[in-house]
Structures are given as C-alpha cells and as structure tokens.
Amino acid sequence: MKGHLSTINKHKFKVMELCFRCGLYKQGLLHDLSKYSWIELKTGFRYYQGFRSPIDAQKEAEGYSMSWLHHKGRNPHHWEYWLDNSKNGVRPIRMPEQYVYEMFCDRVAASMIYQKEKYTDHSALDYYMQGRNRILIHPETDRLILYLLCYLSEYGLEKTCAYIKNQVTRL
C-alpha cells in the first residue's frame, strides 16, 4: 500500500515538474488525479511490484483491468482516450497537441520512476517503439510523439522541454 502511494506520488510530481518546464501548468496540476480514486488505488494496492505498472500485473492475472478502463477514460493524455467508434469500426482521433505534450511528460516520468538509475534520454523512445506496432493511434499523434521522443534522445531533456514550451506558447 505504502509502496504504491509512494510510486504514484513520485510519478505525479515528476510529471508536474516536467509539465511546468514545458509551460503546461494546468495539466501539470491536474495530471492523473484519477489514480487517487478507489477503483484505481485498490488495483495498485493489490498488484504493486515497484518496477512496472500494477495495471499490467492486473491484466495478466485477470485478463483485463477495470482500473485501466477507468483511468484512460478520464485522462486525455492517453492515446486510448481518443478512440471512437464509427460505422467502419473503432478509429483513432487526432489528439490536441497539448495532450501529446503531456503524454510526452508522462512517458518520460514513468521511465524515470520505473528505471531509476538505468534511465537515459533514450528510455522513453525505446519503450514507445516496443509497443508502437500494437497501438491504434492517429498518424499525426504518432508522428508528433515520435518526433518528441526522438528529439529527447538526440538533444536531451532540457532542450526538449524548451522546444515544447515554445510550441505551447503558440497554441
């Protein structure tokens, strides 16, 4: 219980710090508040391992995660939030840029929290690439998040946050 709360608090504050560095002040404050709801907390308490999301462990054990369904439906920085059904089936919707920037902060923070001293500026890109062929994401959203993660791996966090902040001021 204590370990899970510590992990989500560290993650939330790291995302908030990164969002603030990128000029996303409101998103930094509001990021992942649903993780403190009972439906999400109880999964964390039960499946906490410390090196990956408890949601992944719940999916392995139960075949799905009610916590994930709850979380992704309340947090527009997840590409899954932007899926809609149409007469031709489920299709991805282009994410507004400010949520792609928050998604970047979220992915970098998660890499930092879970990888600890093994984290590098290439970590978030590596993780994204491992699952990229299995996601249903709008091509423009994919292009932007991939650009940001590649930029990070090449130029570092400070320059990437400055780049994003410059883009945010144009929104």
N, C-alpha and C. Protein backbone atom coordinates (compact mmCIF):
# COMPACT_ATOMS: atom_id res chain seq x y z
N MET A 1 0.83 -1.19 0.00
CA MET A 1 0.00 0.00 0.00
C MET A 1 0.88 1.26 0.00
N LYS A 2 1.80 1.30 0.93
CA LYS A 2 2.70 2.43 1.05
C LYS A 2 3.57 2.58 -0.19
N GLY A 3 4.05 1.44 -0.73
CA GLY A 3 4.89 1.48 -1.93
C GLY A 3 4.15 2.04 -3.13
N HIS A 4 2.90 1.62 -3.31
CA HIS A 4 2.12 2.12 -4.44
C HIS A 4 1.87 3.62 -4.31
N LEU A 5 1.47 4.08 -3.15
CA LEU A 5 1.23 5.52 -2.96
C LEU A 5 2.51 6.31 -3.19
N SER A 6 3.61 5.79 -2.72
CA SER A 6 4.89 6.47 -2.94
C SER A 6 5.20 6.57 -4.43
N THR A 7 4.98 5.48 -5.16
CA THR A 7 5.26 5.47 -6.61
C THR A 7 4.36 6.45 -7.36
N ILE A 8 3.04 6.43 -7.07
CA ILE A 8 2.17 7.35 -7.83
C ILE A 8 2.42 8.80 -7.44
N ASN A 9 2.78 9.05 -6.19
CA ASN A 9 3.12 10.42 -5.80
C ASN A 9 4.39 10.90 -6.50
N LYS A 10 5.42 10.04 -6.53
CA LYS A 10 6.66 10.40 -7.24
C LYS A 10 6.37 10.66 -8.72
N HIS A 11 5.57 9.77 -9.31
CA HIS A 11 5.23 9.94 -10.73
C HIS A 11 4.48 11.24 -10.96
N LYS A 12 3.46 11.48 -10.16
CA LYS A 12 2.64 12.68 -10.32
C LYS A 12 3.51 13.93 -10.20
N PHE A 13 4.38 13.98 -9.21
CA PHE A 13 5.22 15.16 -9.03
C PHE A 13 6.27 15.30 -10.12
N LYS A 14 6.78 14.19 -10.63
CA LYS A 14 7.74 14.26 -11.74
C LYS A 14 7.05 14.76 -13.01
N VAL A 15 5.83 14.27 -13.28
CA VAL A 15 5.08 14.76 -14.44
C VAL A 15 4.76 16.24 -14.26
N MET A 16 4.36 16.63 -13.06
CA MET A 16 4.05 18.03 -12.81
C MET A 16 5.29 18.90 -13.06
N GLU A 17 6.43 18.47 -12.58
CA GLU A 17 7.67 19.21 -12.81
C GLU A 17 7.95 19.35 -14.31
N LEU A 18 7.83 18.25 -15.04
CA LEU A 18 8.09 18.29 -16.49
C LEU A 18 7.06 19.16 -17.21
N CYS A 19 5.79 19.02 -16.83
CA CYS A 19 4.75 19.86 -17.45
C CYS A 19 5.03 21.34 -17.20
N PHE A 20 5.41 21.69 -15.98
CA PHE A 20 5.72 23.09 -15.68
C PHE A 20 6.89 23.57 -16.53
N ARG A 21 7.91 22.73 -16.70
CA ARG A 21 9.06 23.09 -17.53
C ARG A 21 8.65 23.32 -18.98
N CYS A 22 7.56 22.64 -19.39
CA CYS A 22 7.06 22.75 -20.76
C CYS A 22 5.98 23.80 -20.92
N GLY A 23 5.62 24.49 -19.85
CA GLY A 23 4.58 25.52 -19.92
C GLY A 23 3.16 24.98 -19.81
N LEU A 24 3.00 23.75 -19.35
CA LEU A 24 1.68 23.11 -19.21
C LEU A 24 1.27 23.12 -17.73
N TYR A 25 1.01 24.30 -17.19
CA TYR A 25 0.81 24.44 -15.75
C TYR A 25 -0.48 23.77 -15.27
N LYS A 26 -1.58 24.01 -15.92
CA LYS A 26 -2.85 23.40 -15.50
C LYS A 26 -2.78 21.88 -15.63
N GLN A 27 -2.25 21.40 -16.74
CA GLN A 27 -2.14 19.96 -16.94
C GLN A 27 -1.21 19.33 -15.92
N GLY A 28 -0.17 20.03 -15.55
CA GLY A 28 0.74 19.52 -14.52
C GLY A 28 0.04 19.35 -13.19
N LEU A 29 -0.80 20.30 -12.84
CA LEU A 29 -1.53 20.21 -11.57
C LEU A 29 -2.60 19.12 -11.59
N LEU A 30 -3.26 18.96 -12.72
CA LEU A 30 -4.40 18.03 -12.81
C LEU A 30 -4.01 16.61 -13.24
N HIS A 31 -2.76 16.42 -13.62
CA HIS A 31 -2.33 15.14 -14.18
C HIS A 31 -2.63 13.97 -13.26
N ASP A 32 -3.29 12.95 -13.82
CA ASP A 32 -3.52 11.65 -13.17
C ASP A 32 -4.23 11.71 -11.81
N LEU A 33 -5.09 12.68 -11.60
CA LEU A 33 -5.81 12.72 -10.33
C LEU A 33 -6.69 11.49 -10.13
N SER A 34 -7.11 10.85 -11.22
CA SER A 34 -7.95 9.65 -11.09
C SER A 34 -7.21 8.50 -10.41
N LYS A 35 -5.87 8.56 -10.36
CA LYS A 35 -5.13 7.49 -9.69
C LYS A 35 -5.44 7.43 -8.20
N TYR A 36 -6.02 8.50 -7.67
CA TYR A 36 -6.38 8.55 -6.25
C TYR A 36 -7.82 8.11 -6.00
N SER A 37 -8.53 7.70 -7.05
CA SER A 37 -9.88 7.15 -6.88
C SER A 37 -9.76 5.72 -6.38
N TRP A 38 -10.79 5.25 -5.68
CA TRP A 38 -10.71 3.91 -5.09
C TRP A 38 -10.52 2.82 -6.14
N ILE A 39 -11.20 2.92 -7.27
CA ILE A 39 -11.09 1.86 -8.28
C ILE A 39 -9.66 1.71 -8.78
N GLU A 40 -8.93 2.80 -8.88
CA GLU A 40 -7.54 2.71 -9.32
C GLU A 40 -6.58 2.39 -8.17
N LEU A 41 -6.85 2.96 -7.00
CA LEU A 41 -5.99 2.69 -5.85
C LEU A 41 -5.98 1.21 -5.46
N LYS A 42 -7.16 0.59 -5.45
CA LYS A 42 -7.21 -0.81 -4.97
C LYS A 42 -6.40 -1.74 -5.88
N THR A 43 -6.37 -1.45 -7.19
CA THR A 43 -5.52 -2.24 -8.09
C THR A 43 -4.05 -2.04 -7.73
N GLY A 44 -3.68 -0.80 -7.49
CA GLY A 44 -2.30 -0.52 -7.11
C GLY A 44 -1.91 -1.20 -5.81
N PHE A 45 -2.80 -1.20 -4.85
CA PHE A 45 -2.50 -1.84 -3.57
C PHE A 45 -2.35 -3.35 -3.75
N ARG A 46 -3.18 -3.95 -4.57
CA ARG A 46 -3.16 -5.40 -4.74
C ARG A 46 -2.02 -5.89 -5.63
N TYR A 47 -1.72 -5.13 -6.71
CA TYR A 47 -0.77 -5.63 -7.71
C TYR A 47 0.55 -4.87 -7.75
N TYR A 48 0.81 -4.04 -6.78
CA TYR A 48 2.05 -3.27 -6.76
C TYR A 48 3.28 -4.18 -6.79
N GLN A 49 4.24 -3.85 -7.67
CA GLN A 49 5.50 -4.57 -7.74
C GLN A 49 6.71 -3.64 -7.66
N GLY A 50 6.51 -2.38 -8.02
CA GLY A 50 7.58 -1.40 -7.90
C GLY A 50 8.40 -1.15 -9.14
N PHE A 51 8.34 -2.07 -10.11
CA PHE A 51 9.16 -1.90 -11.31
C PHE A 51 8.33 -1.75 -12.58
N ARG A 52 7.00 -1.85 -12.46
CA ARG A 52 6.10 -1.66 -13.59
C ARG A 52 4.73 -1.29 -13.06
N SER A 53 3.85 -0.93 -13.95
CA SER A 53 2.50 -0.53 -13.55
C SER A 53 1.72 -1.71 -12.98
N PRO A 54 1.03 -1.51 -11.86
CA PRO A 54 0.16 -2.57 -11.34
C PRO A 54 -0.94 -2.97 -12.33
N ILE A 55 -1.28 -2.07 -13.23
CA ILE A 55 -2.30 -2.35 -14.24
C ILE A 55 -1.85 -3.51 -15.13
N ASP A 56 -0.56 -3.54 -15.49
CA ASP A 56 -0.05 -4.64 -16.30
C ASP A 56 -0.18 -5.97 -15.55
N ALA A 57 0.13 -5.96 -14.28
CA ALA A 57 0.00 -7.19 -13.47
C ALA A 57 -1.46 -7.62 -13.36
N GLN A 58 -2.36 -6.64 -13.20
CA GLN A 58 -3.79 -6.98 -13.13
C GLN A 58 -4.27 -7.58 -14.44
N LYS A 59 -3.84 -7.04 -15.55
CA LYS A 59 -4.23 -7.57 -16.86
C LYS A 59 -3.74 -9.01 -17.02
N GLU A 60 -2.53 -9.29 -16.57
CA GLU A 60 -2.00 -10.66 -16.65
C GLU A 60 -2.82 -11.61 -15.78
N ALA A 61 -3.20 -11.15 -14.59
CA ALA A 61 -3.90 -12.02 -13.64
C ALA A 61 -5.38 -12.20 -14.00
N GLU A 62 -6.02 -11.12 -14.47
CA GLU A 62 -7.47 -11.15 -14.65
C GLU A 62 -7.91 -11.08 -16.11
N GLY A 63 -6.99 -10.77 -17.00
CA GLY A 63 -7.33 -10.68 -18.42
C GLY A 63 -7.73 -9.29 -18.87
N TYR A 64 -7.95 -8.40 -17.95
CA TYR A 64 -8.30 -7.01 -18.24
C TYR A 64 -8.10 -6.21 -16.96
N SER A 65 -8.26 -4.89 -17.06
CA SER A 65 -8.10 -4.05 -15.88
C SER A 65 -9.20 -2.99 -15.84
N MET A 66 -10.08 -3.11 -14.86
CA MET A 66 -11.10 -2.07 -14.67
C MET A 66 -10.43 -0.74 -14.32
N SER A 67 -9.31 -0.81 -13.63
CA SER A 67 -8.58 0.42 -13.29
C SER A 67 -8.12 1.14 -14.55
N TRP A 68 -7.62 0.37 -15.52
CA TRP A 68 -7.15 0.98 -16.76
C TRP A 68 -8.32 1.58 -17.54
N LEU A 69 -9.42 0.85 -17.60
CA LEU A 69 -10.60 1.37 -18.30
C LEU A 69 -11.06 2.68 -17.67
N HIS A 70 -11.02 2.73 -16.35
CA HIS A 70 -11.37 3.96 -15.62
C HIS A 70 -10.37 5.06 -15.93
N HIS A 71 -9.09 4.72 -15.83
CA HIS A 71 -8.02 5.72 -15.98
C HIS A 71 -7.99 6.34 -17.37
N LYS A 72 -7.99 5.50 -18.39
CA LYS A 72 -7.85 6.03 -19.76
C LYS A 72 -9.06 6.84 -20.18
N GLY A 73 -10.21 6.57 -19.58
CA GLY A 73 -11.41 7.32 -19.92
C GLY A 73 -11.51 8.68 -19.26
N ARG A 74 -10.56 9.00 -18.37
CA ARG A 74 -10.59 10.26 -17.64
C ARG A 74 -9.34 11.10 -17.84
N ASN A 75 -8.43 10.61 -18.64
CA ASN A 75 -7.13 11.28 -18.80
C ASN A 75 -6.77 11.41 -20.28
N PRO A 76 -7.03 12.58 -20.86
CA PRO A 76 -6.85 12.76 -22.31
C PRO A 76 -5.40 12.76 -22.79
N HIS A 77 -4.44 12.56 -21.90
CA HIS A 77 -3.05 12.43 -22.35
C HIS A 77 -2.72 11.00 -22.77
N HIS A 78 -3.71 10.10 -22.72
CA HIS A 78 -3.54 8.74 -23.21
C HIS A 78 -4.16 8.61 -24.59
N TRP A 79 -3.44 8.00 -25.53
CA TRP A 79 -3.97 7.86 -26.89
C TRP A 79 -5.27 7.05 -26.89
N GLU A 80 -5.44 6.13 -25.93
CA GLU A 80 -6.64 5.31 -25.88
C GLU A 80 -7.90 6.13 -25.59
N TYR A 81 -7.73 7.27 -24.96
CA TYR A 81 -8.84 8.18 -24.69
C TYR A 81 -9.46 8.66 -26.01
N TRP A 82 -8.63 8.73 -27.04
CA TRP A 82 -9.01 9.31 -28.33
C TRP A 82 -9.41 8.26 -29.37
N LEU A 83 -10.02 7.19 -28.92
CA LEU A 83 -10.59 6.19 -29.83
C LEU A 83 -12.09 6.37 -29.86
N ASP A 84 -12.68 6.28 -31.04
CA ASP A 84 -14.12 6.43 -31.17
C ASP A 84 -14.62 5.38 -32.16
N ASN A 85 -15.86 5.01 -31.98
CA ASN A 85 -16.44 4.05 -32.92
C ASN A 85 -17.17 4.81 -34.03
N SER A 86 -17.20 4.20 -35.19
CA SER A 86 -17.90 4.75 -36.34
C SER A 86 -18.54 3.58 -37.08
N LYS A 87 -19.21 3.87 -38.17
CA LYS A 87 -19.84 2.78 -38.92
C LYS A 87 -18.81 1.81 -39.47
N ASN A 88 -17.55 2.24 -39.58
CA ASN A 88 -16.49 1.37 -40.07
C ASN A 88 -15.66 0.73 -38.95
N GLY A 89 -16.10 0.89 -37.71
CA GLY A 89 -15.38 0.31 -36.58
C GLY A 89 -14.68 1.38 -35.75
N VAL A 90 -13.83 0.94 -34.85
CA VAL A 90 -13.11 1.86 -33.97
C VAL A 90 -12.02 2.57 -34.77
N ARG A 91 -11.90 3.87 -34.54
CA ARG A 91 -10.87 4.63 -35.25
C ARG A 91 -10.22 5.63 -34.29
N PRO A 92 -8.94 5.92 -34.53
CA PRO A 92 -8.26 6.89 -33.68
C PRO A 92 -8.58 8.33 -34.10
N ILE A 93 -8.71 9.19 -33.12
CA ILE A 93 -8.93 10.62 -33.33
C ILE A 93 -7.61 11.33 -33.03
N ARG A 94 -7.31 12.37 -33.79
CA ARG A 94 -6.09 13.13 -33.56
C ARG A 94 -6.16 13.82 -32.19
N MET A 95 -5.12 13.64 -31.40
CA MET A 95 -5.06 14.27 -30.08
C MET A 95 -4.69 15.74 -30.23
N PRO A 96 -5.34 16.62 -29.46
CA PRO A 96 -4.86 18.01 -29.41
C PRO A 96 -3.41 18.03 -28.92
N GLU A 97 -2.63 18.94 -29.47
CA GLU A 97 -1.19 18.96 -29.19
C GLU A 97 -0.86 19.05 -27.71
N GLN A 98 -1.62 19.83 -26.94
CA GLN A 98 -1.26 19.98 -25.52
C GLN A 98 -1.31 18.64 -24.79
N TYR A 99 -2.18 17.72 -25.24
CA TYR A 99 -2.24 16.40 -24.60
C TYR A 99 -1.11 15.49 -25.07
N VAL A 100 -0.64 15.69 -26.29
CA VAL A 100 0.53 14.94 -26.76
C VAL A 100 1.75 15.38 -25.95
N TYR A 101 1.84 16.68 -25.67
CA TYR A 101 2.95 17.18 -24.86
C TYR A 101 2.88 16.61 -23.44
N GLU A 102 1.67 16.52 -22.89
CA GLU A 102 1.51 15.92 -21.57
C GLU A 102 1.84 14.42 -21.63
N MET A 103 1.46 13.75 -22.71
CA MET A 103 1.79 12.34 -22.88
C MET A 103 3.31 12.17 -22.89
N PHE A 104 4.01 13.07 -23.54
CA PHE A 104 5.47 13.04 -23.52
C PHE A 104 5.99 13.12 -22.09
N CYS A 105 5.50 14.08 -21.33
CA CYS A 105 5.93 14.24 -19.93
C CYS A 105 5.62 12.99 -19.12
N ASP A 106 4.46 12.41 -19.35
CA ASP A 106 4.03 11.20 -18.66
C ASP A 106 4.97 10.04 -18.96
N ARG A 107 5.30 9.84 -20.22
CA ARG A 107 6.16 8.73 -20.62
C ARG A 107 7.58 8.90 -20.10
N VAL A 108 8.09 10.11 -20.13
CA VAL A 108 9.44 10.37 -19.62
C VAL A 108 9.46 10.14 -18.10
N ALA A 109 8.46 10.66 -17.41
CA ALA A 109 8.41 10.49 -15.95
C ALA A 109 8.28 9.02 -15.58
N ALA A 110 7.44 8.27 -16.28
CA ALA A 110 7.29 6.84 -15.99
C ALA A 110 8.62 6.11 -16.20
N SER A 111 9.33 6.45 -17.26
CA SER A 111 10.63 5.83 -17.50
C SER A 111 11.60 6.16 -16.36
N MET A 112 11.59 7.40 -15.91
CA MET A 112 12.48 7.81 -14.81
C MET A 112 12.14 7.08 -13.51
N ILE A 113 10.85 6.99 -13.21
CA ILE A 113 10.42 6.39 -11.95
C ILE A 113 10.67 4.89 -11.94
N TYR A 114 10.32 4.20 -13.01
CA TYR A 114 10.46 2.75 -13.02
C TYR A 114 11.89 2.28 -13.29
N GLN A 115 12.64 3.03 -14.11
CA GLN A 115 14.00 2.59 -14.44
C GLN A 115 15.06 3.10 -13.46
N LYS A 116 14.71 4.12 -12.70
CA LYS A 116 15.60 4.70 -11.70
C LYS A 116 16.96 5.06 -12.32
N GLU A 117 18.05 4.51 -11.81
CA GLU A 117 19.39 4.89 -12.27
C GLU A 117 19.70 4.38 -13.68
N LYS A 118 18.90 3.46 -14.20
CA LYS A 118 19.10 2.95 -15.57
C LYS A 118 18.49 3.88 -16.63
N TYR A 119 17.74 4.89 -16.20
CA TYR A 119 17.10 5.81 -17.14
C TYR A 119 18.14 6.56 -17.97
N THR A 120 17.85 6.69 -19.27
CA THR A 120 18.60 7.57 -20.16
C THR A 120 17.58 8.36 -20.98
N ASP A 121 18.05 9.35 -21.69
CA ASP A 121 17.14 10.13 -22.54
C ASP A 121 16.63 9.32 -23.72
N HIS A 122 17.06 8.11 -23.86
CA HIS A 122 16.58 7.21 -24.92
C HIS A 122 15.51 6.25 -24.39
N SER A 123 15.34 6.17 -23.08
CA SER A 123 14.45 5.18 -22.45
C SER A 123 13.00 5.27 -22.92
N ALA A 124 12.44 6.46 -22.92
CA ALA A 124 11.02 6.62 -23.29
C ALA A 124 10.80 6.26 -24.76
N LEU A 125 11.75 6.60 -25.62
CA LEU A 125 11.66 6.22 -27.03
C LEU A 125 11.72 4.71 -27.19
N ASP A 126 12.64 4.07 -26.49
CA ASP A 126 12.74 2.60 -26.55
C ASP A 126 11.42 1.95 -26.15
N TYR A 127 10.84 2.43 -25.06
CA TYR A 127 9.59 1.85 -24.57
C TYR A 127 8.46 2.06 -25.59
N TYR A 128 8.38 3.26 -26.15
CA TYR A 128 7.35 3.54 -27.15
C TYR A 128 7.50 2.64 -28.37
N MET A 129 8.72 2.47 -28.82
CA MET A 129 8.97 1.66 -30.02
C MET A 129 8.64 0.18 -29.78
N GLN A 130 8.80 -0.30 -28.56
CA GLN A 130 8.49 -1.70 -28.25
C GLN A 130 7.01 -2.02 -28.50
N GLY A 131 6.13 -1.04 -28.28
CA GLY A 131 4.71 -1.31 -28.42
C GLY A 131 4.03 -0.58 -29.57
N ARG A 132 4.78 0.20 -30.31
CA ARG A 132 4.21 1.06 -31.35
C ARG A 132 3.42 0.29 -32.40
N ASN A 133 3.82 -0.89 -32.76
CA ASN A 133 3.13 -1.65 -33.81
C ASN A 133 1.84 -2.30 -33.31
N ARG A 134 1.55 -2.16 -32.00
CA ARG A 134 0.34 -2.78 -31.44
C ARG A 134 -0.69 -1.75 -31.00
N ILE A 135 -0.50 -0.48 -31.31
CA ILE A 135 -1.44 0.54 -30.84
C ILE A 135 -2.25 1.13 -31.98
N LEU A 136 -3.40 1.64 -31.64
CA LEU A 136 -4.30 2.26 -32.61
C LEU A 136 -4.29 3.76 -32.33
N ILE A 137 -3.32 4.45 -32.90
CA ILE A 137 -3.10 5.87 -32.64
C ILE A 137 -3.20 6.63 -33.96
N HIS A 138 -3.74 7.83 -33.90
CA HIS A 138 -3.86 8.65 -35.11
C HIS A 138 -2.45 8.92 -35.68
N PRO A 139 -2.29 8.86 -37.00
CA PRO A 139 -0.96 9.06 -37.59
C PRO A 139 -0.30 10.39 -37.20
N GLU A 140 -1.08 11.47 -37.11
CA GLU A 140 -0.49 12.76 -36.72
C GLU A 140 -0.05 12.75 -35.26
N THR A 141 -0.82 12.10 -34.41
CA THR A 141 -0.45 11.98 -33.00
C THR A 141 0.83 11.15 -32.87
N ASP A 142 0.87 10.04 -33.58
CA ASP A 142 2.06 9.17 -33.58
C ASP A 142 3.27 9.95 -34.08
N ARG A 143 3.10 10.70 -35.13
CA ARG A 143 4.20 11.46 -35.70
C ARG A 143 4.76 12.47 -34.68
N LEU A 144 3.87 13.16 -33.96
CA LEU A 144 4.33 14.17 -33.00
C LEU A 144 5.00 13.52 -31.79
N ILE A 145 4.40 12.50 -31.20
CA ILE A 145 5.03 11.88 -30.02
C ILE A 145 6.36 11.23 -30.40
N LEU A 146 6.42 10.64 -31.56
CA LEU A 146 7.67 10.03 -32.02
C LEU A 146 8.74 11.11 -32.24
N TYR A 147 8.34 12.23 -32.82
CA TYR A 147 9.28 13.34 -33.02
C TYR A 147 9.84 13.82 -31.68
N LEU A 148 8.95 14.00 -30.70
CA LEU A 148 9.38 14.49 -29.38
C LEU A 148 10.31 13.50 -28.69
N LEU A 149 9.99 12.22 -28.77
CA LEU A 149 10.83 11.21 -28.12
C LEU A 149 12.19 11.09 -28.82
N CYS A 150 12.21 11.22 -30.13
CA CYS A 150 13.48 11.22 -30.87
C CYS A 150 14.30 12.47 -30.55
N TYR A 151 13.61 13.60 -30.47
CA TYR A 151 14.26 14.87 -30.12
C TYR A 151 14.92 14.73 -28.75
N LEU A 152 14.18 14.16 -27.79
CA LEU A 152 14.72 13.93 -26.45
C LEU A 152 15.97 13.06 -26.51
N SER A 153 15.92 11.99 -27.26
CA SER A 153 17.06 11.06 -27.31
C SER A 153 18.28 11.71 -27.95
N GLU A 154 18.05 12.68 -28.82
CA GLU A 154 19.17 13.33 -29.51
C GLU A 154 19.68 14.58 -28.79
N TYR A 155 18.75 15.40 -28.24
CA TYR A 155 19.14 16.70 -27.70
C TYR A 155 19.03 16.82 -26.18
N GLY A 156 18.40 15.83 -25.52
CA GLY A 156 18.29 15.88 -24.07
C GLY A 156 17.01 16.54 -23.58
N LEU A 157 16.77 16.38 -22.30
CA LEU A 157 15.52 16.82 -21.69
C LEU A 157 15.38 18.34 -21.65
N GLU A 158 16.44 19.03 -21.32
CA GLU A 158 16.36 20.48 -21.20
C GLU A 158 15.95 21.12 -22.53
N LYS A 159 16.58 20.73 -23.61
CA LYS A 159 16.26 21.30 -24.92
C LYS A 159 14.87 20.87 -25.39
N THR A 160 14.47 19.64 -25.06
CA THR A 160 13.15 19.17 -25.48
C THR A 160 12.06 19.93 -24.75
N CYS A 161 12.23 20.14 -23.45
CA CYS A 161 11.24 20.92 -22.69
C CYS A 161 11.16 22.36 -23.21
N ALA A 162 12.30 22.94 -23.55
CA ALA A 162 12.31 24.29 -24.12
C ALA A 162 11.59 24.32 -25.47
N TYR A 163 11.82 23.30 -26.28
CA TYR A 163 11.14 23.19 -27.57
C TYR A 163 9.62 23.12 -27.36
N ILE A 164 9.19 22.25 -26.46
CA ILE A 164 7.75 22.10 -26.19
C ILE A 164 7.17 23.41 -25.66
N LYS A 165 7.87 24.04 -24.74
CA LYS A 165 7.36 25.31 -24.17
C LYS A 165 7.17 26.34 -25.27
N ASN A 166 8.06 26.38 -26.22
CA ASN A 166 7.93 27.29 -27.36
C ASN A 166 6.69 26.95 -28.18
N GLN A 167 6.41 25.66 -28.35
CA GLN A 167 5.22 25.23 -29.10
C GLN A 167 3.94 25.55 -28.32
N VAL A 168 3.96 25.35 -27.01
CA VAL A 168 2.79 25.60 -26.17
C VAL A 168 2.40 27.07 -26.21
N THR A 169 3.37 27.96 -26.25
CA THR A 169 3.05 29.38 -26.30
C THR A 169 2.35 29.79 -27.60
N ARG A 170 2.45 28.93 -28.61
CA ARG A 170 1.82 29.20 -29.90
C ARG A 170 0.38 28.66 -29.96
N LEU A 171 0.00 27.81 -28.98
CA LEU A 171 -1.34 27.21 -29.01
C LEU A 171 -2.40 28.25 -28.68
